[in-house]
Structure formats: structure tokens, C-alpha cells
Amino acid sequence: MDIFKNNNNIIFKEEIKKKELPNHIAIIMDGNGRWAKKRFLPRTAGHREGVKRVMDTVEECGNLGIKYLTLYAFSTENWSRPKDEIDYLMKLLVEFLRKKLQKIHNNNVRINILGDISRLDKNIVEEIEYAIDLTKNNTKLELNIALNYGGRDEILRASKLLYEDIKNNRVSINDINEEEFKKYLYTGNQPDPDILIRTSGEKRLSNFLNYQIAYTEFFFIDENWPEFYPDKLHRVIYDFQNRNRRFGGI
């Protein structure tokens, strides 16, 4: 059955509550520009509409009891976009934090950043650091925002950090295993994503969470990100709960 052709969302939402929920959902939020183009609007209109879906998704994950949500906001490759578009995206980020941070905090959501934010303007870094500090003790949902993030870059960074610890005798090379190495990633001690969603119909990972998604279930959705309302999240979780995850076994 194609779950995305069934519009009975009430059934989906009630059914997913009866089963074990995923711990960690990761999303590649793709298709803002295509959504705008289909409506003869500027790309900026698509990005602004996409921000609304961010808040919808954060709130619904919290309501459902999802513990970790990772959103791919800006990649290391996105710097190749036109400067005007990059500036607008950064403006939207600051606007989002200023307007929605208190609501996020009141909902007991903790904000983490995955990626190197040192390249961002000082005022943006200050907004991010304030958001992280304000929400650091929240426990309902951990919201990872991947910002100036690249999966390969993350692995290189982790390798360098591990090398420094080995060189300075803080860690023995004989103690290094997968779990120990994972501690050097941006996601630290968080569980790997159970679900990876990519909107807009594209079927690639685009350098996202390369290490963490070894056994993640993939969902490639034709709708663009501004069309990803909570009912589509419910349907993904419903399908996930009905998959047989064997992790290499029988």
C-alpha cells in the first residue's frame, strides 16, 4: 500500500501512538525553491514558507514524544549559492530564533548545532549561542540544527579530535571502537537516526550524517518541504513502524 495515497490521517496518528516510536528523526528539508517556482514566486518565498514547516515539525515531534530531531538547514556546499540567497537564509535564521526561541524554550526543547558556525557573522553566532545557552537544560526534545554542516567534514573533524586525544594520552588507541569514535561526532552520545526523510523527490544524501545513517530507514517524499505538514510525518512514522528492521540479521 502506498501510505501517501491514504488521506485518513486520524487513523495514522492514533495507530502510531500504539507502537514504539522512533527515537531520532533526521530531515533533509529540500524543495523550497521548487515550491516557490511552481507558484511563480521568488525563491525567498519558498524559504520563508519552509520556516513555518520547521516549527510545525518541531512541535509535532514534541507532541508525539520523539526525543531527537535533526534538520539539515545549511550545508558546507550551500556557500556556492548566490550571495543574496545566502544572506536571506541567514536573515531567516536570526528571525526564526528571535521570534520562536521563547516558544521553543517553553516547550522544553533543547537546541544543538551540528557544524562549524565560526564562518557565520558575529551577530548570527551570538543569536545561536544565546539560544543554546537558554535551552541547555531542556529535556523533552533535542533539536539539532545542521548549519554549515557536511558529513565528510564531520568525520574529518572527529578524526582530528581523536588524534589529539591519543597524542596527549587522554585515550588509548586500543580502546577505540565504533561507540568511542561516535563520541567525537557532533551528535556525541545521541542515538543514530531511525528515520531519514528527504523531501522534493531527490534520492541522495547530500553529505548528511554520513557516519550515523548506516542502519537508518530512508523515506524519499515527492512533496517539497513547504508541503510537509504533520500528516506526512505521521504517515512516515506509521510506515517505519511496519517495516522489518533486521540490522544485518535474518
C-alpha atoms as a PDB file:
ATOM      1  CA  MET A   1       0.000   0.000   0.000  1.00  0.00           C
ATOM      2  CA  ASP A   2       1.209   3.489  -0.821  1.00  0.00           C
ATOM      3  CA  ILE A   3       0.718   5.256   2.509  1.00  0.00           C
ATOM      4  CA  PHE A   4       0.928   8.659   0.850  1.00  0.00           C
ATOM      5  CA  LYS A   5      -2.281   7.973  -1.091  1.00  0.00           C
ATOM      6  CA  ASN A   6      -4.325   7.393   2.045  1.00  0.00           C
ATOM      7  CA  ASN A   7      -5.731  10.620   3.475  1.00  0.00           C
ATOM      8  CA  ASN A   8      -7.153   9.216   6.711  1.00  0.00           C
ATOM      9  CA  ASN A   9      -4.654  10.961   8.956  1.00  0.00           C
ATOM     10  CA  ILE A  10      -6.646  10.362  12.127  1.00  0.00           C
ATOM     11  CA  ILE A  11      -6.040   6.626  11.780  1.00  0.00           C
ATOM     12  CA  PHE A  12      -2.331   7.145  11.230  1.00  0.00           C
ATOM     13  CA  LYS A  13      -1.894   9.385  14.260  1.00  0.00           C
ATOM     14  CA  GLU A  14      -3.809   7.067  16.550  1.00  0.00           C
ATOM     15  CA  GLU A  15      -2.063   3.956  15.218  1.00  0.00           C
ATOM     16  CA  ILE A  16       1.483   5.277  15.663  1.00  0.00           C
ATOM     17  CA  LYS A  17       0.808   6.057  19.313  1.00  0.00           C
ATOM     18  CA  LYS A  18       0.115   2.386  19.964  1.00  0.00           C
ATOM     19  CA  LYS A  19       3.582   1.239  18.905  1.00  0.00           C
ATOM     20  CA  GLU A  20       7.164   2.063  19.774  1.00  0.00           C
ATOM     21  CA  LEU A  21       8.128   5.463  18.383  1.00  0.00           C
ATOM     22  CA  PRO A  22      11.421   6.225  16.662  1.00  0.00           C
ATOM     23  CA  ASN A  23      13.950   7.940  18.930  1.00  0.00           C
ATOM     24  CA  HIS A  24      15.598  10.092  16.284  1.00  0.00           C
ATOM     25  CA  ILE A  25      14.279  11.571  13.037  1.00  0.00           C
ATOM     26  CA  ALA A  26      16.542  13.391  10.575  1.00  0.00           C
ATOM     27  CA  ILE A  27      15.222  15.505   7.702  1.00  0.00           C
ATOM     28  CA  ILE A  28      16.789  16.958   4.565  1.00  0.00           C
ATOM     29  CA  MET A  29      14.470  19.920   4.024  1.00  0.00           C
ATOM     30  CA  ASP A  30      14.614  20.146   0.238  1.00  0.00           C
ATOM     31  CA  GLY A  31      12.464  21.882  -2.349  1.00  0.00           C
ATOM     32  CA  ASN A  32      11.791  25.393  -1.047  1.00  0.00           C
ATOM     33  CA  GLY A  33      12.877  26.937  -4.337  1.00  0.00           C
ATOM     34  CA  ARG A  34      10.866  24.465  -6.422  1.00  0.00           C
ATOM     35  CA  TRP A  35       7.777  25.093  -4.312  1.00  0.00           C
ATOM     36  CA  ALA A  36       8.118  28.826  -4.994  1.00  0.00           C
ATOM     37  CA  LYS A  37       8.825  28.368  -8.706  1.00  0.00           C
ATOM     38  CA  LYS A  38       5.648  26.303  -9.172  1.00  0.00           C
ATOM     39  CA  ARG A  39       3.720  29.273  -7.780  1.00  0.00           C
ATOM     40  CA  PHE A  40       5.624  31.908  -9.775  1.00  0.00           C
ATOM     41  CA  LEU A  41       7.092  33.289  -6.561  1.00  0.00           C
ATOM     42  CA  PRO A  42      10.705  34.213  -5.728  1.00  0.00           C
ATOM     43  CA  ARG A  43      12.831  31.535  -4.076  1.00  0.00           C
ATOM     44  CA  THR A  44      12.827  33.608  -0.898  1.00  0.00           C
ATOM     45  CA  ALA A  45       9.081  32.991  -0.565  1.00  0.00           C
ATOM     46  CA  GLY A  46       9.773  29.253  -0.546  1.00  0.00           C
ATOM     47  CA  HIS A  47      12.393  29.599   2.179  1.00  0.00           C
ATOM     48  CA  ARG A  48      10.006  31.661   4.302  1.00  0.00           C
ATOM     49  CA  GLU A  49       7.233  29.101   3.903  1.00  0.00           C
ATOM     50  CA  GLY A  50       9.729  26.365   4.743  1.00  0.00           C
ATOM     51  CA  VAL A  51      10.462  28.008   8.102  1.00  0.00           C
ATOM     52  CA  LYS A  52       6.799  27.531   9.016  1.00  0.00           C
ATOM     53  CA  ARG A  53       7.135  23.783   8.451  1.00  0.00           C
ATOM     54  CA  VAL A  54      10.186  23.755  10.724  1.00  0.00           C
ATOM     55  CA  MET A  55       8.094  24.983  13.624  1.00  0.00           C
ATOM     56  CA  ASP A  56       5.226  22.626  12.736  1.00  0.00           C
ATOM     57  CA  THR A  57       7.615  19.668  12.720  1.00  0.00           C
ATOM     58  CA  VAL A  58       9.365  20.620  15.962  1.00  0.00           C
ATOM     59  CA  GLU A  59       6.029  20.995  17.745  1.00  0.00           C
ATOM     60  CA  GLU A  60       4.604  17.734  16.393  1.00  0.00           C
ATOM     61  CA  CYS A  61       7.728  15.742  17.262  1.00  0.00           C
ATOM     62  CA  GLY A  62       7.478  17.097  20.788  1.00  0.00           C
ATOM     63  CA  ASN A  63       3.774  16.252  20.982  1.00  0.00           C
ATOM     64  CA  LEU A  64       4.376  12.697  19.780  1.00  0.00           C
ATOM     65  CA  GLY A  65       7.279  12.041  22.147  1.00  0.00           C
ATOM     66  CA  ILE A  66      10.137  11.936  19.641  1.00  0.00           C
ATOM     67  CA  LYS A  67      13.367  12.610  21.566  1.00  0.00           C
ATOM     68  CA  TYR A  68      15.732  13.777  18.801  1.00  0.00           C
ATOM     69  CA  LEU A  69      15.087  15.751  15.616  1.00  0.00           C
ATOM     70  CA  THR A  70      17.886  16.750  13.230  1.00  0.00           C
ATOM     71  CA  LEU A  71      17.192  19.292  10.483  1.00  0.00           C
ATOM     72  CA  TYR A  72      19.603  19.961   7.608  1.00  0.00           C
ATOM     73  CA  ALA A  73      19.438  23.750   7.401  1.00  0.00           C
ATOM     74  CA  PHE A  74      22.614  24.788   5.549  1.00  0.00           C
ATOM     75  CA  SER A  75      25.372  22.590   4.161  1.00  0.00           C
ATOM     76  CA  THR A  76      29.049  23.296   3.590  1.00  0.00           C
ATOM     77  CA  GLU A  77      28.216  23.165  -0.135  1.00  0.00           C
ATOM     78  CA  ASN A  78      25.447  25.766   0.123  1.00  0.00           C
ATOM     79  CA  TRP A  79      28.047  28.547   0.164  1.00  0.00           C
ATOM     80  CA  SER A  80      28.150  28.175  -3.624  1.00  0.00           C
ATOM     81  CA  ARG A  81      24.641  29.657  -3.869  1.00  0.00           C
ATOM     82  CA  PRO A  82      24.151  33.329  -4.846  1.00  0.00           C
ATOM     83  CA  LYS A  83      25.186  35.699  -2.061  1.00  0.00           C
ATOM     84  CA  ASP A  84      21.751  37.329  -1.960  1.00  0.00           C
ATOM     85  CA  GLU A  85      20.119  33.972  -1.257  1.00  0.00           C
ATOM     86  CA  ILE A  86      22.666  33.077   1.425  1.00  0.00           C
ATOM     87  CA  ASP A  87      22.147  36.443   3.108  1.00  0.00           C
ATOM     88  CA  TYR A  88      18.397  35.879   3.080  1.00  0.00           C
ATOM     89  CA  LEU A  89      18.737  32.410   4.589  1.00  0.00           C
ATOM     90  CA  MET A  90      20.886  33.784   7.406  1.00  0.00           C
ATOM     91  CA  LYS A  91      18.386  36.589   7.955  1.00  0.00           C
ATOM     92  CA  LEU A  92      15.615  33.990   8.226  1.00  0.00           C
ATOM     93  CA  LEU A  93      17.644  32.022  10.756  1.00  0.00           C
ATOM     94  CA  VAL A  94      18.071  35.066  13.000  1.00  0.00           C
ATOM     95  CA  GLU A  95      14.394  35.952  12.593  1.00  0.00           C
ATOM     96  CA  PHE A  96      13.384  32.391  13.483  1.00  0.00           C
ATOM     97  CA  LEU A  97      15.479  32.400  16.644  1.00  0.00           C
ATOM     98  CA  ARG A  98      14.230  35.800  17.760  1.00  0.00           C
ATOM     99  CA  LYS A  99      10.557  35.080  17.124  1.00  0.00           C
ATOM    100  CA  LYS A 100      10.299  31.400  18.028  1.00  0.00           C
ATOM    101  CA  LEU A 101      13.004  30.819  20.637  1.00  0.00           C
ATOM    102  CA  GLN A 102      10.818  31.564  23.642  1.00  0.00           C
ATOM    103  CA  LYS A 103       8.116  29.217  22.369  1.00  0.00           C
ATOM    104  CA  ILE A 104      10.734  26.527  21.728  1.00  0.00           C
ATOM    105  CA  HIS A 105      12.102  27.035  25.238  1.00  0.00           C
ATOM    106  CA  ASN A 106       8.628  26.937  26.800  1.00  0.00           C
ATOM    107  CA  ASN A 107       8.036  23.630  25.011  1.00  0.00           C
ATOM    108  CA  ASN A 108      11.096  22.176  26.782  1.00  0.00           C
ATOM    109  CA  VAL A 109      13.131  21.806  23.570  1.00  0.00           C
ATOM    110  CA  ARG A 110      16.925  21.896  23.665  1.00  0.00           C
ATOM    111  CA  ILE A 111      18.765  23.395  20.683  1.00  0.00           C
ATOM    112  CA  ASN A 112      22.069  21.956  19.447  1.00  0.00           C
ATOM    113  CA  ILE A 113      24.112  22.979  16.427  1.00  0.00           C
ATOM    114  CA  LEU A 114      25.835  20.465  14.149  1.00  0.00           C
ATOM    115  CA  GLY A 115      28.528  22.132  12.063  1.00  0.00           C
ATOM    116  CA  ASP A 116      31.145  24.860  12.126  1.00  0.00           C
ATOM    117  CA  ILE A 117      29.427  28.187  12.826  1.00  0.00           C
ATOM    118  CA  SER A 118      32.694  30.138  13.075  1.00  0.00           C
ATOM    119  CA  ARG A 119      32.286  31.205   9.433  1.00  0.00           C
ATOM    120  CA  LEU A 120      28.994  32.957  10.198  1.00  0.00           C
ATOM    121  CA  ASP A 121      28.725  36.660  11.001  1.00  0.00           C
ATOM    122  CA  LYS A 122      29.262  37.584  14.636  1.00  0.00           C
ATOM    123  CA  ASN A 123      25.670  38.686  15.216  1.00  0.00           C
ATOM    124  CA  ILE A 124      24.373  35.332  13.945  1.00  0.00           C
ATOM    125  CA  VAL A 125      26.786  33.404  16.167  1.00  0.00           C
ATOM    126  CA  GLU A 126      25.641  35.445  19.163  1.00  0.00           C
ATOM    127  CA  GLU A 127      21.979  34.612  18.463  1.00  0.00           C
ATOM    128  CA  ILE A 128      22.840  30.923  18.152  1.00  0.00           C
ATOM    129  CA  GLU A 129      24.927  30.870  21.325  1.00  0.00           C
ATOM    130  CA  TYR A 130      22.135  32.588  23.243  1.00  0.00           C
ATOM    131  CA  ALA A 131      19.606  30.005  22.017  1.00  0.00           C
ATOM    132  CA  ILE A 132      21.889  27.131  23.002  1.00  0.00           C
ATOM    133  CA  ASP A 133      22.507  28.583  26.452  1.00  0.00           C
ATOM    134  CA  LEU A 134      18.833  29.370  27.107  1.00  0.00           C
ATOM    135  CA  THR A 135      17.658  25.868  26.224  1.00  0.00           C
ATOM    136  CA  LYS A 136      20.594  23.827  27.522  1.00  0.00           C
ATOM    137  CA  ASN A 137      18.675  22.260  30.418  1.00  0.00           C
ATOM    138  CA  ASN A 138      15.540  21.346  28.452  1.00  0.00           C
ATOM    139  CA  THR A 139      14.700  17.663  28.224  1.00  0.00           C
ATOM    140  CA  LYS A 140      11.601  16.990  26.097  1.00  0.00           C
ATOM    141  CA  LEU A 141      13.149  17.126  22.617  1.00  0.00           C
ATOM    142  CA  GLU A 142      16.668  17.736  21.346  1.00  0.00           C
ATOM    143  CA  LEU A 143      16.588  19.813  18.168  1.00  0.00           C
ATOM    144  CA  ASN A 144      19.782  19.503  16.144  1.00  0.00           C
ATOM    145  CA  ILE A 145      20.169  22.219  13.511  1.00  0.00           C
ATOM    146  CA  ALA A 146      22.802  21.239  10.940  1.00  0.00           C
ATOM    147  CA  LEU A 147      24.326  24.577   9.964  1.00  0.00           C
ATOM    148  CA  ASN A 148      27.420  24.912   7.783  1.00  0.00           C
ATOM    149  CA  TYR A 149      27.461  21.144   8.137  1.00  0.00           C
ATOM    150  CA  GLY A 150      28.981  18.416   5.970  1.00  0.00           C
ATOM    151  CA  GLY A 151      29.104  14.725   6.795  1.00  0.00           C
ATOM    152  CA  ARG A 152      32.618  14.225   5.461  1.00  0.00           C
ATOM    153  CA  ASP A 153      33.799  17.333   7.259  1.00  0.00           C
ATOM    154  CA  GLU A 154      32.322  15.973  10.493  1.00  0.00           C
ATOM    155  CA  ILE A 155      34.241  12.701  10.149  1.00  0.00           C
ATOM    156  CA  LEU A 156      37.491  14.544   9.439  1.00  0.00           C
ATOM    157  CA  ARG A 157      36.901  16.794  12.449  1.00  0.00           C
ATOM    158  CA  ALA A 158      36.185  13.786  14.676  1.00  0.00           C
ATOM    159  CA  SER A 159      39.350  12.052  13.449  1.00  0.00           C
ATOM    160  CA  LYS A 160      41.482  15.078  14.271  1.00  0.00           C
ATOM    161  CA  LEU A 161      39.959  15.408  17.742  1.00  0.00           C
ATOM    162  CA  LEU A 162      40.555  11.728  18.392  1.00  0.00           C
ATOM    163  CA  TYR A 163      44.140  12.015  17.165  1.00  0.00           C
ATOM    164  CA  GLU A 164      44.777  14.882  19.590  1.00  0.00           C
ATOM    165  CA  ASP A 165      43.410  12.843  22.485  1.00  0.00           C
ATOM    166  CA  ILE A 166      45.548   9.840  21.567  1.00  0.00           C
ATOM    167  CA  LYS A 167      48.655  12.006  21.123  1.00  0.00           C
ATOM    168  CA  ASN A 168      48.115  13.594  24.536  1.00  0.00           C
ATOM    169  CA  ASN A 169      47.470  10.227  26.213  1.00  0.00           C
ATOM    170  CA  ARG A 170      43.874  11.043  27.055  1.00  0.00           C
ATOM    171  CA  VAL A 171      42.706   7.987  25.129  1.00  0.00           C
ATOM    172  CA  SER A 172      44.433   4.712  24.314  1.00  0.00           C
ATOM    173  CA  ILE A 173      44.300   3.632  20.695  1.00  0.00           C
ATOM    174  CA  ASN A 174      43.454   0.126  21.925  1.00  0.00           C
ATOM    175  CA  ASP A 175      40.216   1.467  23.422  1.00  0.00           C
ATOM    176  CA  ILE A 176      38.919   2.926  20.164  1.00  0.00           C
ATOM    177  CA  ASN A 177      35.810   1.254  18.766  1.00  0.00           C
ATOM    178  CA  GLU A 178      32.680   2.450  16.972  1.00  0.00           C
ATOM    179  CA  GLU A 179      30.988   3.672  20.132  1.00  0.00           C
ATOM    180  CA  GLU A 180      34.094   5.528  21.288  1.00  0.00           C
ATOM    181  CA  PHE A 181      34.568   7.160  17.880  1.00  0.00           C
ATOM    182  CA  LYS A 182      30.934   8.305  17.819  1.00  0.00           C
ATOM    183  CA  LYS A 183      31.620  10.471  20.869  1.00  0.00           C
ATOM    184  CA  TYR A 184      33.752  12.741  18.683  1.00  0.00           C
ATOM    185  CA  LEU A 185      30.927  13.423  16.242  1.00  0.00           C
ATOM    186  CA  TYR A 186      28.644  16.435  16.610  1.00  0.00           C
ATOM    187  CA  THR A 187      25.855  14.092  17.687  1.00  0.00           C
ATOM    188  CA  GLY A 188      28.009  12.839  20.559  1.00  0.00           C
ATOM    189  CA  ASN A 189      26.098  10.357  22.678  1.00  0.00           C
ATOM    190  CA  GLN A 190      22.821  10.740  20.803  1.00  0.00           C
ATOM    191  CA  PRO A 191      21.300   7.651  19.162  1.00  0.00           C
ATOM    192  CA  ASP A 192      21.682   7.316  15.406  1.00  0.00           C
ATOM    193  CA  PRO A 193      18.645   8.376  13.352  1.00  0.00           C
ATOM    194  CA  ASP A 194      15.973   5.725  12.987  1.00  0.00           C
ATOM    195  CA  ILE A 195      14.415   7.648  10.099  1.00  0.00           C
ATOM    196  CA  LEU A 196      15.845   9.884   7.390  1.00  0.00           C
ATOM    197  CA  ILE A 197      13.324  11.910   5.383  1.00  0.00           C
ATOM    198  CA  ARG A 198      14.168  13.831   2.235  1.00  0.00           C
ATOM    199  CA  THR A 199      11.510  15.946   0.570  1.00  0.00           C
ATOM    200  CA  SER A 200      11.224  17.124  -3.079  1.00  0.00           C
ATOM    201  CA  GLY A 201      11.706  13.723  -4.703  1.00  0.00           C
ATOM    202  CA  GLU A 202      15.506  13.763  -4.759  1.00  0.00           C
ATOM    203  CA  LYS A 203      17.101  10.432  -3.791  1.00  0.00           C
ATOM    204  CA  ARG A 204      20.535  11.250  -2.423  1.00  0.00           C
ATOM    205  CA  LEU A 205      22.052  12.049   0.964  1.00  0.00           C
ATOM    206  CA  SER A 206      23.922  15.245   0.019  1.00  0.00           C
ATOM    207  CA  ASN A 207      26.708  14.717   2.558  1.00  0.00           C
ATOM    208  CA  PHE A 208      24.338  14.455   5.524  1.00  0.00           C
ATOM    209  CA  LEU A 209      25.101  12.350   8.630  1.00  0.00           C
ATOM    210  CA  ASN A 210      27.326  10.017   6.610  1.00  0.00           C
ATOM    211  CA  TYR A 211      28.540   8.089   9.656  1.00  0.00           C
ATOM    212  CA  GLN A 212      25.291   7.966  11.604  1.00  0.00           C
ATOM    213  CA  ILE A 213      22.907   6.571   8.978  1.00  0.00           C
ATOM    214  CA  ALA A 214      24.390   3.099   8.469  1.00  0.00           C
ATOM    215  CA  TYR A 215      21.104   1.441   9.533  1.00  0.00           C
ATOM    216  CA  THR A 216      18.674   4.309   9.131  1.00  0.00           C
ATOM    217  CA  GLU A 217      15.392   3.792   7.279  1.00  0.00           C
ATOM    218  CA  PHE A 218      15.110   6.161   4.274  1.00  0.00           C
ATOM    219  CA  PHE A 219      11.946   7.940   3.132  1.00  0.00           C
ATOM    220  CA  PHE A 220      12.116   9.942  -0.096  1.00  0.00           C
ATOM    221  CA  ILE A 221       8.995  12.047  -0.493  1.00  0.00           C
ATOM    222  CA  ASP A 222       7.870  13.779  -3.687  1.00  0.00           C
ATOM    223  CA  GLU A 223       6.343  16.795  -1.935  1.00  0.00           C
ATOM    224  CA  ASN A 224       8.540  19.834  -1.397  1.00  0.00           C
ATOM    225  CA  TRP A 225       9.478  20.860   2.128  1.00  0.00           C
ATOM    226  CA  PRO A 226       6.858  23.662   2.407  1.00  0.00           C
ATOM    227  CA  GLU A 227       4.227  20.942   1.814  1.00  0.00           C
ATOM    228  CA  PHE A 228       5.498  18.680   4.608  1.00  0.00           C
ATOM    229  CA  TYR A 229       2.689  19.067   7.114  1.00  0.00           C
ATOM    230  CA  PRO A 230       2.360  16.911  10.261  1.00  0.00           C
ATOM    231  CA  ASP A 231       0.094  14.395   8.500  1.00  0.00           C
ATOM    232  CA  LYS A 232       3.023  13.389   6.286  1.00  0.00           C
ATOM    233  CA  LEU A 233       5.222  12.957   9.353  1.00  0.00           C
ATOM    234  CA  HIS A 234       2.577  10.668  10.854  1.00  0.00           C
ATOM    235  CA  ARG A 235       2.495   8.568   7.687  1.00  0.00           C
ATOM    236  CA  VAL A 236       6.274   8.192   7.628  1.00  0.00           C
ATOM    237  CA  ILE A 237       6.297   7.028  11.250  1.00  0.00           C
ATOM    238  CA  TYR A 238       3.419   4.631  10.547  1.00  0.00           C
ATOM    239  CA  ASP A 239       5.331   3.081   7.650  1.00  0.00           C
ATOM    240  CA  PHE A 240       8.528   2.937   9.727  1.00  0.00           C
ATOM    241  CA  GLN A 241       6.730   1.067  12.489  1.00  0.00           C
ATOM    242  CA  ASN A 242       5.575  -1.518   9.970  1.00  0.00           C
ATOM    243  CA  ARG A 243       9.000  -2.175   8.451  1.00  0.00           C
ATOM    244  CA  ASN A 244      11.086  -5.187   9.484  1.00  0.00           C
ATOM    245  CA  ARG A 245      14.467  -3.846  10.655  1.00  0.00           C
ATOM    246  CA  ARG A 246      16.964  -6.711  10.809  1.00  0.00           C
ATOM    247  CA  PHE A 247      20.284  -4.825  11.272  1.00  0.00           C
ATOM    248  CA  GLY A 248      22.125  -7.424   9.218  1.00  0.00           C
ATOM    249  CA  GLY A 249      20.394 -10.405  10.802  1.00  0.00           C
ATOM    250  CA  ILE A 250      17.689 -12.711   9.453  1.00  0.00           C
END
